[in-house]
Amino acid sequence: MLIRVKVFPNEKKEMVTKQSADSFEVKVKAKAERGQANRAVRSILADFLDLPEQKLRLVRGGKSRNKLFETNL
């Protein structure tokens, strides 16, 4: 399953907002430097979806706000 994520780094609160069945907005406190925000998004999204982090893989958007994750269920 592919999951589309729009990331908002350097926010005051961390939260996940579901836009549709496979689309989310994720706000993280981490800065968009050296992959910090990517790791934070993966962790927060895994918690939200009740999945282990190892089941989420970043497919596209490593240096972009718009990311595509894949889940291996």
N, C-alpha and C. Protein backbone atom coordinates (compact mmCIF):
# COMPACT_ATOMS: atom_id res chain seq x y z
N MET A 1 0.85 -1.18 0.00
CA MET A 1 0.00 0.00 0.00
C MET A 1 0.89 1.24 0.00
N LEU A 2 0.58 2.20 -0.83
CA LEU A 2 1.32 3.46 -0.89
C LEU A 2 0.60 4.54 -0.10
N ILE A 3 1.36 5.33 0.61
CA ILE A 3 0.82 6.39 1.45
C ILE A 3 1.48 7.70 1.06
N ARG A 4 0.67 8.69 0.72
CA ARG A 4 1.18 10.02 0.37
C ARG A 4 1.19 10.89 1.63
N VAL A 5 2.30 11.60 1.83
CA VAL A 5 2.47 12.40 3.04
C VAL A 5 3.00 13.77 2.66
N LYS A 6 2.37 14.81 3.20
CA LYS A 6 2.88 16.17 3.07
C LYS A 6 3.45 16.53 4.43
N VAL A 7 4.71 16.91 4.47
CA VAL A 7 5.42 17.14 5.72
C VAL A 7 5.57 18.63 6.00
N PHE A 8 5.39 18.99 7.26
CA PHE A 8 5.60 20.35 7.73
C PHE A 8 6.66 20.28 8.84
N PRO A 9 7.94 20.47 8.49
CA PRO A 9 8.99 20.39 9.51
C PRO A 9 9.07 21.66 10.35
N ASN A 10 9.77 21.54 11.49
CA ASN A 10 10.05 22.68 12.36
C ASN A 10 8.77 23.30 12.93
N GLU A 11 7.80 22.47 13.29
CA GLU A 11 6.54 22.94 13.88
C GLU A 11 6.62 22.87 15.40
N LYS A 12 5.71 23.54 16.08
CA LYS A 12 5.70 23.52 17.54
C LYS A 12 5.08 22.25 18.10
N LYS A 13 4.09 21.69 17.39
CA LYS A 13 3.41 20.47 17.82
C LYS A 13 3.57 19.40 16.76
N GLU A 14 3.68 18.16 17.22
CA GLU A 14 3.72 17.04 16.28
C GLU A 14 2.33 16.46 16.18
N MET A 15 1.85 16.29 14.94
CA MET A 15 0.51 15.74 14.75
C MET A 15 0.35 15.19 13.34
N VAL A 16 -0.61 14.28 13.22
CA VAL A 16 -0.94 13.67 11.93
C VAL A 16 -2.39 14.00 11.62
N THR A 17 -2.65 14.46 10.40
CA THR A 17 -4.00 14.75 9.95
C THR A 17 -4.28 13.90 8.72
N LYS A 18 -5.35 13.12 8.79
CA LYS A 18 -5.71 12.26 7.67
C LYS A 18 -6.52 13.07 6.66
N GLN A 19 -6.04 13.11 5.42
CA GLN A 19 -6.72 13.85 4.36
C GLN A 19 -7.66 12.95 3.57
N SER A 20 -7.21 11.73 3.31
CA SER A 20 -8.04 10.72 2.62
C SER A 20 -7.53 9.35 3.07
N ALA A 21 -8.00 8.30 2.43
CA ALA A 21 -7.63 6.94 2.85
C ALA A 21 -6.13 6.70 2.77
N ASP A 22 -5.45 7.33 1.80
CA ASP A 22 -4.01 7.09 1.65
C ASP A 22 -3.19 8.38 1.63
N SER A 23 -3.72 9.46 2.20
CA SER A 23 -3.05 10.75 2.19
C SER A 23 -3.09 11.38 3.57
N PHE A 24 -1.92 11.85 4.03
CA PHE A 24 -1.81 12.44 5.36
C PHE A 24 -0.99 13.71 5.33
N GLU A 25 -1.22 14.58 6.31
CA GLU A 25 -0.35 15.72 6.58
C GLU A 25 0.29 15.45 7.93
N VAL A 26 1.61 15.59 8.00
CA VAL A 26 2.33 15.31 9.23
C VAL A 26 3.16 16.53 9.61
N LYS A 27 2.95 17.00 10.83
CA LYS A 27 3.73 18.11 11.37
C LYS A 27 4.72 17.54 12.38
N VAL A 28 6.00 17.91 12.23
CA VAL A 28 7.04 17.41 13.12
C VAL A 28 7.87 18.56 13.67
N LYS A 29 8.43 18.36 14.85
CA LYS A 29 9.29 19.36 15.48
C LYS A 29 10.68 19.38 14.85
N ALA A 30 11.10 18.27 14.29
CA ALA A 30 12.44 18.14 13.73
C ALA A 30 12.63 19.07 12.53
N LYS A 31 13.87 19.53 12.37
CA LYS A 31 14.22 20.37 11.23
C LYS A 31 14.46 19.50 10.01
N ALA A 32 14.35 20.09 8.86
CA ALA A 32 14.58 19.38 7.60
C ALA A 32 16.07 19.40 7.27
N GLU A 33 16.86 18.81 8.15
CA GLU A 33 18.31 18.76 7.97
C GLU A 33 18.80 17.34 8.23
N ARG A 34 19.67 16.84 7.37
CA ARG A 34 20.32 15.54 7.55
C ARG A 34 19.34 14.41 7.83
N GLY A 35 18.15 14.46 7.26
CA GLY A 35 17.18 13.38 7.39
C GLY A 35 16.44 13.33 8.72
N GLN A 36 16.60 14.36 9.55
CA GLN A 36 15.93 14.38 10.85
C GLN A 36 14.42 14.37 10.70
N ALA A 37 13.89 15.19 9.82
CA ALA A 37 12.44 15.26 9.64
C ALA A 37 11.92 13.94 9.04
N ASN A 38 12.66 13.33 8.14
CA ASN A 38 12.23 12.06 7.55
C ASN A 38 12.10 10.98 8.61
N ARG A 39 13.08 10.89 9.51
CA ARG A 39 13.02 9.90 10.59
C ARG A 39 11.85 10.18 11.52
N ALA A 40 11.61 11.46 11.83
CA ALA A 40 10.50 11.83 12.71
C ALA A 40 9.16 11.49 12.06
N VAL A 41 9.01 11.77 10.78
CA VAL A 41 7.77 11.47 10.06
C VAL A 41 7.51 9.97 10.07
N ARG A 42 8.53 9.20 9.79
CA ARG A 42 8.38 7.74 9.77
C ARG A 42 7.93 7.22 11.13
N SER A 43 8.51 7.74 12.18
CA SER A 43 8.16 7.31 13.54
C SER A 43 6.73 7.69 13.90
N ILE A 44 6.36 8.93 13.65
CA ILE A 44 5.02 9.43 13.99
C ILE A 44 3.95 8.73 13.16
N LEU A 45 4.23 8.54 11.88
CA LEU A 45 3.27 7.88 11.00
C LEU A 45 3.10 6.41 11.40
N ALA A 46 4.17 5.75 11.77
CA ALA A 46 4.07 4.36 12.21
C ALA A 46 3.22 4.25 13.47
N ASP A 47 3.41 5.17 14.41
CA ASP A 47 2.58 5.18 15.62
C ASP A 47 1.12 5.40 15.28
N PHE A 48 0.86 6.35 14.39
CA PHE A 48 -0.52 6.68 14.01
C PHE A 48 -1.21 5.50 13.34
N LEU A 49 -0.48 4.78 12.49
CA LEU A 49 -1.04 3.64 11.75
C LEU A 49 -0.95 2.34 12.54
N ASP A 50 -0.36 2.40 13.73
CA ASP A 50 -0.19 1.24 14.59
C ASP A 50 0.61 0.14 13.88
N LEU A 51 1.74 0.56 13.30
CA LEU A 51 2.65 -0.35 12.59
C LEU A 51 4.06 -0.20 13.18
N PRO A 52 4.87 -1.24 13.09
CA PRO A 52 6.28 -1.06 13.44
C PRO A 52 6.97 -0.21 12.37
N GLU A 53 7.96 0.58 12.78
CA GLU A 53 8.65 1.46 11.84
C GLU A 53 9.27 0.70 10.67
N GLN A 54 9.67 -0.54 10.91
CA GLN A 54 10.31 -1.33 9.86
C GLN A 54 9.36 -1.64 8.71
N LYS A 55 8.07 -1.53 8.94
CA LYS A 55 7.08 -1.80 7.89
C LYS A 55 6.86 -0.60 6.97
N LEU A 56 7.38 0.57 7.34
CA LEU A 56 7.26 1.77 6.50
C LEU A 56 8.58 2.04 5.80
N ARG A 57 8.51 2.25 4.50
CA ARG A 57 9.71 2.53 3.72
C ARG A 57 9.47 3.78 2.88
N LEU A 58 10.41 4.72 2.94
CA LEU A 58 10.32 5.93 2.13
C LEU A 58 10.70 5.58 0.69
N VAL A 59 9.75 5.75 -0.21
CA VAL A 59 9.95 5.39 -1.62
C VAL A 59 10.42 6.59 -2.43
N ARG A 60 9.81 7.75 -2.17
CA ARG A 60 10.11 8.95 -2.96
C ARG A 60 9.95 10.18 -2.09
N GLY A 61 10.75 11.20 -2.35
CA GLY A 61 10.61 12.48 -1.66
C GLY A 61 11.54 12.68 -0.49
N GLY A 62 12.71 12.09 -0.53
CA GLY A 62 13.66 12.23 0.56
C GLY A 62 14.06 13.67 0.84
N LYS A 63 14.02 14.52 -0.18
CA LYS A 63 14.40 15.93 -0.02
C LYS A 63 13.25 16.86 -0.39
N SER A 64 12.03 16.37 -0.26
CA SER A 64 10.85 17.14 -0.65
C SER A 64 9.82 17.10 0.48
N ARG A 65 8.92 18.06 0.49
CA ARG A 65 7.82 18.05 1.46
C ARG A 65 6.83 16.94 1.17
N ASN A 66 6.66 16.64 -0.10
CA ASN A 66 5.73 15.60 -0.53
C ASN A 66 6.46 14.28 -0.62
N LYS A 67 6.05 13.33 0.20
CA LYS A 67 6.73 12.05 0.29
C LYS A 67 5.77 10.91 -0.03
N LEU A 68 6.36 9.80 -0.42
CA LEU A 68 5.59 8.60 -0.71
C LEU A 68 6.21 7.47 0.09
N PHE A 69 5.40 6.90 0.98
CA PHE A 69 5.82 5.77 1.80
C PHE A 69 5.11 4.51 1.32
N GLU A 70 5.76 3.38 1.52
CA GLU A 70 5.17 2.10 1.19
C GLU A 70 5.11 1.26 2.47
N THR A 71 3.99 0.58 2.67
CA THR A 71 3.86 -0.31 3.82
C THR A 71 3.91 -1.75 3.34
N ASN A 72 4.60 -2.57 4.10
CA ASN A 72 4.66 -4.00 3.81
C ASN A 72 3.84 -4.70 4.88
N LEU A 73 2.57 -4.93 4.59
CA LEU A 73 1.71 -5.55 5.59
C LEU A 73 1.77 -7.04 5.55
